[in-house]
Protein backbone atom coordinates (compact mmCIF):
# COMPACT_ATOMS: atom_id res chain seq x y z
CA MET A 1 -65.27 -4.06 -2.33
CA ASN A 2 -64.14 -1.90 -5.19
CA ARG A 3 -62.27 -4.10 -7.69
CA SER A 4 -59.33 -1.64 -7.97
CA ILE A 5 -58.86 -1.51 -4.20
CA PHE A 6 -59.07 -5.34 -4.02
CA LEU A 7 -56.33 -5.72 -6.65
CA ILE A 8 -54.06 -3.28 -4.83
CA ILE A 9 -54.51 -5.14 -1.51
CA LEU A 10 -53.95 -8.48 -3.24
CA ALA A 11 -50.72 -7.19 -4.82
CA ILE A 12 -49.45 -5.99 -1.44
CA VAL A 13 -50.23 -9.34 0.22
CA LEU A 14 -48.63 -11.36 -2.56
CA ASN A 15 -45.56 -9.14 -2.55
CA SER A 16 -45.17 -9.53 1.22
CA CYS A 17 -45.21 -13.29 0.78
CA LYS A 18 -42.36 -13.31 -1.71
CA PRO A 19 -39.14 -14.84 -0.38
CA GLU A 20 -36.53 -12.26 0.55
CA GLU A 21 -34.05 -11.86 -2.24
CA GLN A 22 -30.45 -12.66 -1.29
CA PRO A 23 -28.15 -9.92 -2.64
CA ALA A 24 -25.13 -11.37 -4.41
CA TRP A 25 -21.82 -10.87 -2.64
CA ALA A 26 -19.70 -8.12 -4.16
CA LEU A 27 -16.59 -8.17 -2.00
CA VAL A 28 -12.97 -7.52 -2.96
CA PRO A 29 -10.81 -9.00 -1.62
CA TYR A 30 -13.13 -11.98 -1.43
CA PRO A 31 -13.41 -13.50 2.04
CA ASN A 32 -11.90 -16.90 2.68
CA ALA A 33 -15.13 -18.44 4.00
CA ILE A 34 -18.75 -17.32 3.46
CA GLU A 35 -21.72 -19.36 4.63
CA THR A 36 -24.94 -17.67 3.47
CA VAL A 37 -28.16 -18.49 5.29
CA LYS A 38 -31.80 -17.62 4.62
CA GLY A 39 -32.90 -14.04 5.13
CA VAL A 40 -31.55 -10.49 4.92
CA PHE A 41 -30.58 -7.70 7.30
CA SER A 42 -32.07 -4.35 6.30
CA PHE A 43 -30.42 -0.98 6.89
CA GLU A 44 -33.43 0.92 5.57
CA ARG A 45 -34.85 1.93 8.98
CA GLY A 46 -31.48 2.77 10.50
CA ILE A 47 -29.10 0.96 12.80
CA ALA A 48 -27.51 1.32 16.21
CA ILE A 49 -23.87 0.50 16.98
CA SER A 50 -23.01 -1.22 20.26
CA LEU A 51 -19.54 -1.84 21.73
CA SER A 52 -18.10 -4.54 23.95
CA ASP A 53 -15.13 -2.33 24.85
CA ALA A 54 -14.74 1.42 25.28
CA SER A 55 -11.52 1.28 23.23
CA LEU A 56 -13.71 0.78 20.14
CA GLN A 57 -15.44 4.15 20.50
CA GLY A 58 -13.26 5.79 17.84
CA LEU A 59 -14.00 2.96 15.40
CA SER A 60 -17.71 3.26 16.14
CA GLU A 61 -17.64 6.94 15.20
CA PHE A 62 -15.65 6.16 12.04
CA TYR A 63 -18.20 3.49 11.06
CA GLY A 64 -21.11 5.77 11.79
CA LYS A 65 -19.77 8.38 9.39
CA ARG A 66 -19.09 5.78 6.71
CA LEU A 67 -22.61 4.42 6.97
CA SER A 68 -24.13 7.91 7.02
CA ASP A 69 -22.29 8.65 3.77
CA LEU A 70 -24.19 5.70 2.27
CA GLY A 71 -27.51 7.16 3.41
CA VAL A 72 -27.88 4.83 6.42
CA ILE A 73 -29.33 6.45 9.55
CA VAL A 74 -27.26 5.73 12.65
CA ASP A 75 -29.54 5.99 15.70
CA ALA A 76 -28.84 4.57 19.16
CA LYS A 77 -32.57 3.78 19.51
CA ALA A 78 -32.80 1.73 16.30
CA ASP A 79 -33.95 -1.87 16.79
CA ARG A 80 -31.37 -3.26 14.35
CA VAL A 81 -27.86 -3.36 15.77
CA ILE A 82 -24.24 -3.73 14.68
CA ASP A 83 -22.42 -5.17 17.66
CA LEU A 84 -18.63 -4.78 17.82
CA GLN A 85 -17.08 -7.46 20.02
CA LEU A 86 -13.41 -7.42 20.95
CA LEU A 87 -12.52 -10.95 22.03
CA ASP A 88 -9.72 -12.35 24.11
CA SER A 89 -9.29 -15.21 21.70
CA LYS A 90 -6.21 -17.12 20.66
CA SER A 91 -8.13 -18.65 17.76
CA LEU A 92 -8.23 -15.37 15.82
CA LYS A 93 -5.02 -13.81 14.50
CA GLY A 94 -4.44 -10.06 14.55
CA GLU A 95 -6.35 -9.10 11.39
CA ALA A 96 -8.85 -11.99 11.40
CA TYR A 97 -12.54 -11.37 11.97
CA VAL A 98 -15.89 -13.14 12.12
CA LEU A 99 -18.91 -11.36 10.66
CA GLU A 100 -22.28 -12.86 11.67
CA ILE A 101 -25.39 -11.41 10.04
CA ASN A 102 -28.95 -12.31 11.01
CA LYS A 103 -32.21 -10.47 10.41
CA LYS A 104 -31.99 -8.24 13.49
CA ARG A 105 -28.34 -8.13 14.42
CA ILE A 106 -24.86 -8.01 12.94
CA VAL A 107 -21.95 -9.07 15.13
CA ILE A 108 -18.34 -8.27 14.16
CA SER A 109 -15.91 -10.22 16.35
CA ALA A 110 -12.13 -10.04 16.41
CA ALA A 111 -9.20 -10.23 18.78
CA SER A 112 -7.96 -6.78 17.73
CA SER A 113 -9.22 -3.42 16.55
CA LYS A 114 -7.70 -4.21 13.16
CA GLY A 115 -9.87 -7.29 12.82
CA ILE A 116 -12.96 -5.30 13.81
CA PHE A 117 -12.02 -2.71 11.18
CA TYR A 118 -11.71 -5.29 8.39
CA GLY A 119 -14.97 -6.94 9.37
CA PHE A 120 -16.70 -3.58 9.10
CA MET A 121 -15.02 -2.84 5.76
CA SER A 122 -16.54 -6.05 4.37
CA LEU A 123 -19.95 -4.86 5.52
CA TRP A 124 -19.46 -1.32 4.20
CA GLN A 125 -18.05 -2.56 0.90
CA GLN A 126 -20.99 -4.89 0.28
CA LEU A 127 -23.38 -1.96 0.73
CA SER A 128 -21.22 0.31 -1.46
CA LEU A 129 -20.73 -2.09 -4.35
CA SER A 130 -24.16 -3.71 -4.35
CA GLY A 131 -26.04 -0.41 -4.22
CA GLU A 132 -28.54 -2.11 -1.87
CA LYS A 133 -29.53 -1.31 1.69
CA VAL A 134 -30.00 -4.95 2.55
CA ILE A 135 -27.35 -7.61 3.07
CA SER A 136 -27.67 -11.38 3.05
CA CYS A 137 -27.67 -13.20 6.35
CA ALA A 138 -24.41 -15.07 6.60
CA ARG A 139 -21.40 -16.05 8.63
CA ILE A 140 -18.08 -14.83 7.23
CA THR A 141 -14.88 -16.16 8.78
CA ASP A 142 -11.89 -14.39 7.31
CA ALA A 143 -8.19 -13.66 7.71
CA PRO A 144 -5.55 -12.38 5.29
CA ARG A 145 -3.26 -14.70 3.38
CA PHE A 146 -0.32 -12.29 3.77
CA ASP A 147 0.39 -9.92 6.65
CA TYR A 148 1.97 -7.25 4.40
CA ARG A 149 -0.29 -5.84 1.69
CA GLY A 150 1.29 -2.74 0.27
CA PHE A 151 1.44 0.04 -2.27
CA MET A 152 4.42 2.29 -3.01
CA LEU A 153 4.06 5.79 -4.44
CA ASP A 154 7.08 7.65 -5.82
CA GLU A 155 6.75 11.36 -5.08
CA SER A 156 10.33 12.33 -5.82
CA ARG A 157 9.89 12.25 -9.61
CA HIS A 158 6.55 14.09 -9.38
CA PHE A 159 4.83 15.51 -6.32
CA PHE A 160 1.09 14.99 -5.79
CA GLY A 161 0.35 16.41 -2.36
CA LYS A 162 -1.26 15.26 0.86
CA GLU A 163 -4.90 15.31 -0.29
CA LYS A 164 -4.10 12.88 -3.09
CA VAL A 165 -2.07 10.71 -0.73
CA LYS A 166 -4.94 10.64 1.76
CA GLN A 167 -7.34 9.63 -1.01
CA TYR A 168 -5.06 6.72 -1.89
CA ILE A 169 -4.78 5.68 1.76
CA ASP A 170 -8.57 5.71 1.97
CA LEU A 171 -8.81 3.53 -1.13
CA MET A 172 -6.17 1.17 0.23
CA ALA A 173 -8.14 0.74 3.45
CA SER A 174 -11.32 0.14 1.47
CA PHE A 175 -9.70 -2.92 -0.05
CA LYS A 176 -7.86 -4.10 3.08
CA LEU A 177 -4.36 -2.99 2.07
CA ASN A 178 -2.34 -2.08 5.14
CA THR A 179 1.08 -0.64 4.18
CA PHE A 180 1.87 2.56 2.31
CA HIS A 181 5.52 2.73 1.21
CA TRP A 182 6.24 6.43 0.68
CA HIS A 183 9.16 7.08 -1.67
CA LEU A 184 10.05 10.59 -0.50
CA THR A 185 13.62 11.13 -1.72
CA ASP A 186 15.49 10.38 -4.94
CA ALA A 187 17.50 12.14 -7.63
CA PRO A 188 14.80 14.58 -8.89
CA GLY A 189 13.55 15.92 -5.58
CA TRP A 190 13.66 15.71 -1.77
CA ARG A 191 10.09 15.83 -0.41
CA ILE A 192 10.27 15.72 3.42
CA GLU A 193 11.19 18.60 5.72
CA ILE A 194 14.25 18.01 7.90
CA LYS A 195 14.59 20.84 10.40
CA ALA A 196 18.30 20.26 11.02
CA PHE A 197 18.99 20.65 7.29
CA PRO A 198 16.39 23.03 5.83
CA LYS A 199 18.01 23.29 2.39
CA LEU A 200 17.06 19.66 1.72
CA THR A 201 13.59 20.93 0.86
CA THR A 202 14.12 24.58 -0.08
CA VAL A 203 16.90 23.62 -2.52
CA GLY A 204 16.65 19.84 -2.86
CA GLY A 205 12.88 20.04 -3.22
CA GLN A 206 13.13 22.12 -6.39
CA GLY A 207 12.44 20.45 -9.71
CA SER A 208 10.81 17.25 -10.91
CA HIS A 209 11.62 14.55 -13.41
CA THR A 210 10.05 16.53 -16.25
CA ASN A 211 10.83 20.08 -15.07
CA PRO A 212 14.12 20.78 -13.29
CA ASP A 213 13.00 24.38 -12.71
CA ALA A 214 9.75 23.54 -10.90
CA PRO A 215 9.40 25.39 -7.57
CA ALA A 216 10.20 23.48 -4.39
CA ALA A 217 7.48 20.97 -3.47
CA TYR A 218 7.61 18.98 -0.27
CA TYR A 219 5.81 17.89 2.89
CA THR A 220 6.32 19.85 6.09
CA GLN A 221 6.61 17.82 9.24
CA GLU A 222 3.10 18.95 10.16
CA ASP A 223 1.86 17.59 6.83
CA ILE A 224 3.56 14.28 7.57
CA LYS A 225 1.96 14.06 11.02
CA GLU A 226 -1.45 14.74 9.49
CA VAL A 227 -1.07 12.01 6.88
CA VAL A 228 0.33 9.51 9.40
CA ALA A 229 -2.63 10.12 11.73
CA TYR A 230 -5.07 9.76 8.83
CA ALA A 231 -3.48 6.45 7.86
CA ALA A 232 -3.43 5.17 11.44
CA GLU A 233 -7.18 5.73 11.74
CA ARG A 234 -7.53 3.35 8.77
CA PHE A 235 -4.94 0.84 10.05
CA VAL A 236 -2.48 1.69 7.30
CA THR A 237 1.19 1.76 8.32
CA ILE A 238 3.43 4.19 6.44
CA ILE A 239 7.02 3.14 5.72
CA PRO A 240 9.09 6.13 4.55
CA GLU A 241 11.95 5.68 2.08
CA ILE A 242 15.06 7.83 2.38
CA ASP A 243 17.22 6.59 -0.49
CA MET A 244 20.96 5.97 0.03
CA PRO A 245 23.81 5.71 -0.82
CA GLY A 246 22.64 6.22 -4.41
CA HIS A 247 19.73 8.25 -5.82
CA ALA A 248 21.03 11.15 -3.69
CA THR A 249 21.26 13.92 -6.32
CA ALA A 250 18.58 16.17 -4.80
CA ALA A 251 20.17 15.99 -1.35
CA ASN A 252 23.63 16.65 -2.80
CA LYS A 253 22.31 19.73 -4.60
CA ALA A 254 21.42 21.11 -1.18
CA TYR A 255 24.49 19.92 0.76
CA PRO A 256 27.31 19.13 -1.69
CA GLU A 257 29.83 18.59 1.11
CA PHE A 258 28.35 15.10 1.62
CA SER A 259 28.34 14.14 -2.08
CA GLY A 260 30.30 11.14 -3.31
CA GLY A 261 29.91 12.29 -6.91
CA GLY A 262 28.35 10.44 -9.77
CA SER A 263 28.73 9.69 -13.45
CA GLU A 264 28.12 11.63 -16.66
CA LYS A 265 24.55 10.34 -16.90
CA HIS A 266 23.89 10.49 -13.13
CA PRO A 267 25.84 13.43 -11.64
CA ASP A 268 26.16 13.77 -7.86
CA PHE A 269 24.30 10.48 -7.56
CA THR A 270 25.83 9.18 -4.32
CA PHE A 271 26.53 10.14 -0.77
CA ASP A 272 30.20 9.93 0.25
CA PRO A 273 30.93 6.81 2.33
CA GLY A 274 34.55 7.93 2.75
CA ASN A 275 33.57 11.06 4.68
CA GLU A 276 32.91 10.23 8.32
CA ALA A 277 30.68 13.31 8.60
CA THR A 278 28.29 11.72 6.08
CA TYR A 279 27.20 9.14 8.63
CA GLY A 280 26.40 11.76 11.26
CA TYR A 281 24.51 13.84 8.68
CA LEU A 282 22.38 10.91 7.54
CA THR A 283 21.77 9.67 11.07
CA THR A 284 20.48 13.11 12.06
CA ILE A 285 18.10 13.00 9.10
CA LEU A 286 16.91 9.51 10.01
CA ARG A 287 16.36 10.51 13.62
CA GLU A 288 13.91 13.21 12.52
CA VAL A 289 12.23 10.78 10.13
CA ALA A 290 11.94 8.17 12.89
CA ASP A 291 10.18 10.68 15.14
CA LEU A 292 7.52 11.24 12.46
CA PHE A 293 6.72 7.63 11.51
CA PRO A 294 5.65 4.97 14.05
CA SER A 295 6.57 2.16 11.63
CA ASN A 296 9.20 -0.30 12.82
CA TYR A 297 10.94 0.09 9.46
CA ILE A 298 12.60 2.86 7.51
CA HIS A 299 13.42 1.98 3.90
CA LEU A 300 16.92 3.05 2.86
CA GLY A 301 16.78 1.97 -0.79
CA GLY A 302 20.30 0.62 -1.33
CA ASP A 303 19.71 -0.03 -5.03
CA GLU A 304 21.48 0.83 -8.31
CA VAL A 305 24.50 2.43 -6.65
CA HIS A 306 26.64 1.47 -9.65
CA PHE A 307 24.72 3.99 -11.76
CA GLY A 308 26.78 6.80 -10.27
CA ASN A 309 29.73 5.66 -8.14
CA GLU A 310 32.47 6.26 -10.73
CA GLN A 311 34.05 9.06 -8.73
CA TRP A 312 34.48 6.76 -5.75
CA HIS A 313 37.55 5.39 -7.58
CA HIS A 314 39.29 8.75 -7.12
CA ASN A 315 37.99 9.68 -3.67
CA ALA A 316 40.84 9.89 -1.14
CA GLY A 317 38.52 9.29 1.80
CA ILE A 318 37.11 6.15 0.19
CA LYS A 319 40.60 4.88 -0.60
CA ALA A 320 41.55 5.36 3.05
CA LEU A 321 38.33 3.61 4.13
CA MET A 322 39.06 0.64 1.89
CA LYS A 323 42.56 0.29 3.31
CA ARG A 324 41.42 0.67 6.91
CA GLU A 325 38.52 -1.78 6.65
CA SER A 326 40.17 -4.19 4.14
CA LEU A 327 37.47 -3.56 1.53
CA GLU A 328 38.41 -5.13 -1.79
CA ASP A 329 36.30 -3.07 -4.19
CA LEU A 330 33.57 -0.45 -4.47
CA VAL A 331 30.83 -3.03 -3.99
CA ALA A 332 32.39 -3.82 -0.62
CA VAL A 333 32.36 -0.09 0.17
CA GLU A 334 28.64 0.02 -0.64
CA HIS A 335 28.04 -2.96 1.66
CA TYR A 336 30.04 -1.35 4.46
CA PHE A 337 27.91 1.78 4.12
CA MET A 338 24.66 -0.20 4.39
CA ARG A 339 25.85 -2.02 7.52
CA ARG A 340 26.83 1.29 9.14
CA MET A 341 23.43 2.81 8.39
CA THR A 342 21.68 -0.32 9.67
CA ASP A 343 23.49 0.24 12.96
CA SER A 344 22.33 3.86 12.94
CA LEU A 345 18.73 2.73 12.50
CA LYS A 346 19.06 0.29 15.38
CA ALA A 347 20.41 3.08 17.58
CA ILE A 348 17.22 5.10 16.98
CA GLY A 349 14.91 2.11 17.44
CA LYS A 350 14.17 1.26 13.81
CA HIS A 351 14.81 -1.65 11.46
CA LEU A 352 16.20 -1.63 7.92
CA ALA A 353 14.07 -2.18 4.85
CA GLY A 354 15.68 -2.10 1.41
CA TRP A 355 15.63 -3.31 -2.17
CA ASP A 356 17.00 -6.77 -2.90
CA GLU A 357 20.54 -5.49 -3.55
CA ILE A 358 21.09 -5.15 0.19
CA VAL A 359 21.06 -8.93 0.75
CA ALA A 360 24.66 -9.05 -0.45
CA SER A 361 25.61 -6.48 2.22
CA GLY A 362 25.16 -9.01 4.98
CA VAL A 363 22.83 -6.76 6.96
CA ASP A 364 21.08 -8.22 10.00
CA ARG A 365 18.82 -11.00 8.76
CA GLN A 366 16.82 -11.09 11.99
CA THR A 367 15.55 -7.54 11.71
CA SER A 368 15.95 -6.41 8.07
CA MET A 369 13.22 -6.72 5.43
CA ILE A 370 13.98 -7.25 1.76
CA TYR A 371 11.91 -6.02 -1.21
CA TRP A 372 12.47 -8.36 -4.17
CA TRP A 373 11.94 -6.25 -7.29
CA ARG A 374 14.16 -7.72 -10.03
CA HIS A 375 11.74 -10.16 -11.63
CA ASP A 376 14.41 -11.40 -14.04
CA LYS A 377 16.72 -12.30 -11.14
CA THR A 378 14.88 -15.02 -9.28
CA ASP A 379 18.21 -16.07 -7.80
CA LYS A 380 18.12 -12.87 -5.70
CA LEU A 381 14.80 -13.95 -4.22
CA GLU A 382 16.14 -17.44 -3.55
CA THR A 383 19.25 -15.99 -1.89
CA ALA A 384 17.18 -13.74 0.37
CA LEU A 385 14.92 -16.59 1.48
CA LYS A 386 17.79 -19.03 1.93
CA ALA A 387 19.54 -16.48 4.16
CA GLY A 388 16.37 -16.16 6.26
CA TYR A 389 15.32 -12.60 5.37
CA LYS A 390 11.70 -11.52 5.68
CA THR A 391 10.81 -10.64 2.08
CA VAL A 392 8.19 -8.55 0.33
CA LEU A 393 7.39 -9.63 -3.24
CA CYS A 394 7.18 -6.60 -5.56
CA PRO A 395 8.67 -7.78 -8.89
CA ARG A 396 8.62 -5.46 -11.90
CA ARG A 397 6.44 -8.02 -13.61
CA PRO A 398 3.62 -8.01 -12.72
CA LEU A 399 3.65 -5.53 -9.79
CA TYR A 400 5.30 -2.40 -11.24
CA PHE A 401 2.38 -0.20 -12.19
CA ASP A 402 4.47 2.13 -14.33
CA PHE A 403 4.36 -0.75 -16.85
CA VAL A 404 1.47 -0.53 -19.32
CA GLN A 405 -1.54 -2.73 -18.64
CA HIS A 406 -2.69 -3.18 -22.23
CA ASP A 407 -0.90 -3.51 -25.55
CA SER A 408 -2.71 -0.45 -26.97
CA LEU A 409 -1.21 1.88 -24.36
CA LYS A 410 1.87 3.97 -25.12
CA ASN A 411 2.94 5.88 -22.02
CA GLY A 412 4.50 3.28 -19.78
CA ARG A 413 7.26 0.72 -19.56
CA ARG A 414 7.56 -2.76 -21.06
CA TRP A 415 10.04 -5.53 -20.38
CA GLU A 416 9.46 -8.46 -22.73
CA GLY A 417 5.80 -7.83 -22.03
CA PHE A 418 3.73 -5.76 -19.64
CA ASN A 419 1.43 -6.08 -16.63
CA PRO A 420 -2.24 -6.71 -17.47
CA LEU A 421 -4.90 -6.90 -14.78
CA ARG A 422 -5.20 -10.69 -14.87
CA ASP A 423 -1.45 -11.17 -14.32
CA VAL A 424 -1.66 -8.99 -11.21
CA TYR A 425 -4.65 -10.97 -9.92
CA GLN A 426 -3.02 -14.35 -10.46
CA TYR A 427 0.28 -13.45 -8.78
CA PRO A 428 2.14 -15.06 -6.99
CA ASP A 429 0.60 -18.45 -7.70
CA SER A 430 1.06 -18.09 -11.46
CA THR A 431 4.85 -18.03 -11.12
CA HIS A 432 5.90 -19.30 -7.67
CA ARG A 433 5.54 -22.47 -5.67
CA PHE A 434 7.16 -21.80 -2.32
CA ALA A 435 8.29 -24.44 0.12
CA GLU A 436 6.61 -24.14 3.51
CA THR A 437 9.83 -22.88 5.10
CA ASP A 438 10.15 -20.16 2.46
CA LEU A 439 6.49 -19.21 2.65
CA LYS A 440 6.93 -18.33 6.32
CA LEU A 441 9.45 -15.67 5.25
CA ILE A 442 7.19 -14.06 2.62
CA ALA A 443 5.87 -10.96 4.37
CA GLY A 444 3.47 -10.23 1.52
CA LEU A 445 2.95 -8.36 -1.75
CA GLN A 446 3.45 -4.76 -2.83
CA ALA A 447 2.65 -2.83 -6.00
CA ASN A 448 5.13 -0.10 -6.91
CA LEU A 449 4.23 3.04 -8.87
CA TRP A 450 7.27 4.90 -10.19
CA THR A 451 6.32 8.25 -11.67
CA GLU A 452 8.96 9.25 -14.23
CA ARG A 453 6.24 9.32 -16.92
CA LEU A 454 3.32 10.17 -14.63
CA ALA A 455 3.01 13.84 -13.75
CA THR A 456 -0.72 14.27 -12.99
CA ASP A 457 -3.40 12.80 -10.74
CA ASP A 458 -5.19 11.31 -13.74
CA TRP A 459 -2.04 9.52 -14.80
CA ILE A 460 -1.33 7.87 -11.48
CA ASP A 461 -5.02 6.89 -11.20
CA PHE A 462 -5.02 5.44 -14.70
CA MET A 463 -1.94 3.31 -14.04
CA THR A 464 -2.99 2.22 -10.55
CA PHE A 465 -6.63 1.27 -10.97
CA PRO A 466 -8.11 -1.26 -11.19
CA ARG A 467 -4.81 -3.14 -10.84
CA LEU A 468 -4.36 -2.22 -7.17
CA ILE A 469 -7.77 -3.71 -6.40
CA ALA A 470 -6.76 -6.94 -8.14
CA MET A 471 -3.59 -7.02 -6.04
CA SER A 472 -5.61 -6.57 -2.87
CA GLU A 473 -7.32 -9.89 -3.54
CA ALA A 474 -4.04 -11.53 -4.54
CA ALA A 475 -2.61 -10.48 -1.17
CA TRP A 476 -5.61 -11.27 1.03
CA THR A 477 -7.48 -14.23 -0.44
CA ASP A 478 -6.16 -17.78 -0.26
CA GLU A 479 -5.28 -19.34 -3.59
CA ALA A 480 -8.10 -21.88 -3.27
CA GLN A 481 -10.67 -19.09 -2.89
CA LYS A 482 -9.46 -16.87 -5.75
CA ASP A 483 -11.62 -16.91 -8.86
CA TRP A 484 -10.76 -14.69 -11.83
CA SER A 485 -14.20 -15.05 -13.43
CA ARG A 486 -15.86 -13.88 -10.20
CA PHE A 487 -13.49 -10.93 -9.89
CA ASP A 488 -13.97 -10.03 -13.56
CA ALA A 489 -17.75 -10.09 -13.11
CA THR A 490 -17.41 -7.66 -10.19
CA LEU A 491 -15.47 -5.09 -12.25
CA PRO A 492 -18.51 -3.04 -13.36
CA LYS A 493 -19.42 -2.45 -9.70
CA LEU A 494 -15.81 -1.58 -8.90
CA PHE A 495 -15.73 0.88 -11.79
CA ALA A 496 -18.90 2.54 -10.52
CA PHE A 497 -17.27 2.86 -7.10
CA LEU A 498 -14.14 4.42 -8.62
CA ASP A 499 -16.35 6.83 -10.57
CA SER A 500 -17.93 7.92 -7.29
CA MET A 501 -14.43 8.58 -5.90
CA GLY A 502 -13.39 10.66 -8.92
CA ILE A 503 -10.72 8.17 -9.98
CA TYR A 504 -9.71 8.04 -13.65
CA TYR A 505 -9.18 4.29 -14.12
CA PHE A 506 -8.38 2.08 -17.11
CA ASN A 507 -11.20 -0.01 -18.61
CA GLU A 508 -10.43 -1.74 -21.89
CA LEU A 509 -14.15 -2.32 -22.57
CA ASP A 510 -15.11 1.34 -22.30
CA SER A 511 -13.85 3.71 -24.99
CA GLU A 512 -13.92 6.68 -22.60
CA HIS A 513 -11.89 4.88 -19.92
CA LYS A 514 -9.52 3.24 -22.39
CA LYS A 515 -8.00 6.58 -23.33
CA GLU A 516 -4.69 7.57 -21.80
CA PRO A 517 -4.85 10.93 -20.01
CA ALA A 518 -3.36 13.98 -21.67
CA ILE A 519 0.35 14.44 -21.03
């Protein structure tokens, strides 16, 4: 035999005898239990997708597209199979899943479509981040630490549009975040069409935080429906925020007859709680909002009313209200307003969500959800939990992403410090030790991105990523399974993924990605 041919054959034989390499796991958030076994499953010759239930057909098509985008051939005749099994099992909670991988077959089992979705996302993410078309054989048993895993985007200060919002929803789903809190109204601009009051957008939608003369920018109701459907396909719930009784300047610009006035610094900041017509006006708005969003909650803000309620002192209707309802001061008026609007929400089949100021209003503790944001006022968190309110943790430090993430950065907030990536990752265990009774009331975590200083896509990307990915693991992975060194080692793969998505992220080790975007 020719010596060259012999050497080639020998190399092929020896190579075929090599043990299969086990690709390292590159998953964020990291699963709560992984048991790796010998062998790999290969996607290189294509896969088939089988279903245990016809209700999973839509998910199957979604998965097929995702895998095709990674260069995987989806073919019903392929001998390697991904089997989606919807179980009638009390042992698996709503978002829990089991992912079993052997050499010929992958089985994703869950008691709900959500669980099936998250099991697939683990599979898809491993292929995306590893850059391989093989995956280690393993059994992954996983469920989220917190039910609520959220991100809030402020589009009143600056408007970014539905394609950007859909990109963020896609990224949220990729990292198992499930709630998008959409801040649609505030002082600079009103961003959601209300057919009963069209001037809210045509007039109230004009301007932004940096340009009061900017043309009206807002979402039509058709836009909203499109985004809601897009989110639902990815198991992301959207909670809209319609701010009241403060932060109402844009609305009052459009319909001044419902204005309660403001202060020198914050003119026309409030709605008028002394005008009975105000309640009908706002309820009509909320009824249209409720028809657009399937979420159980509508967020009514309820924060910082004192910024602009000075004219309430001189409002005849408010004086009459105070006398009639035995309200001692303007804070009591604010609380009365929030209780009235909570009743309006109940009448249209929705529950109240609001910032932590609303706890003092005495709103229904069985149905209302509180967002604790004042990191320097831990007593407000304690009060909410003691009263029995379901509570979302979103403190300014470390979960406000308008705060800088590195000491070298200039365009962003600080409050006796800032919010670096590691602080986000280590929250809440770095600062809180909850009693078991309190822990049952913690709905979950949310990062908030306020956009006063962020007017472009690059800016919101730069402030959000990679911190939102770190928060996804903080919200999903049990404290015992979190490992900063593992997460840190995964960052290069995460950065490559963000590059592929066209996201301008912050990376303190890369001079190009350490630069703040142009203002």
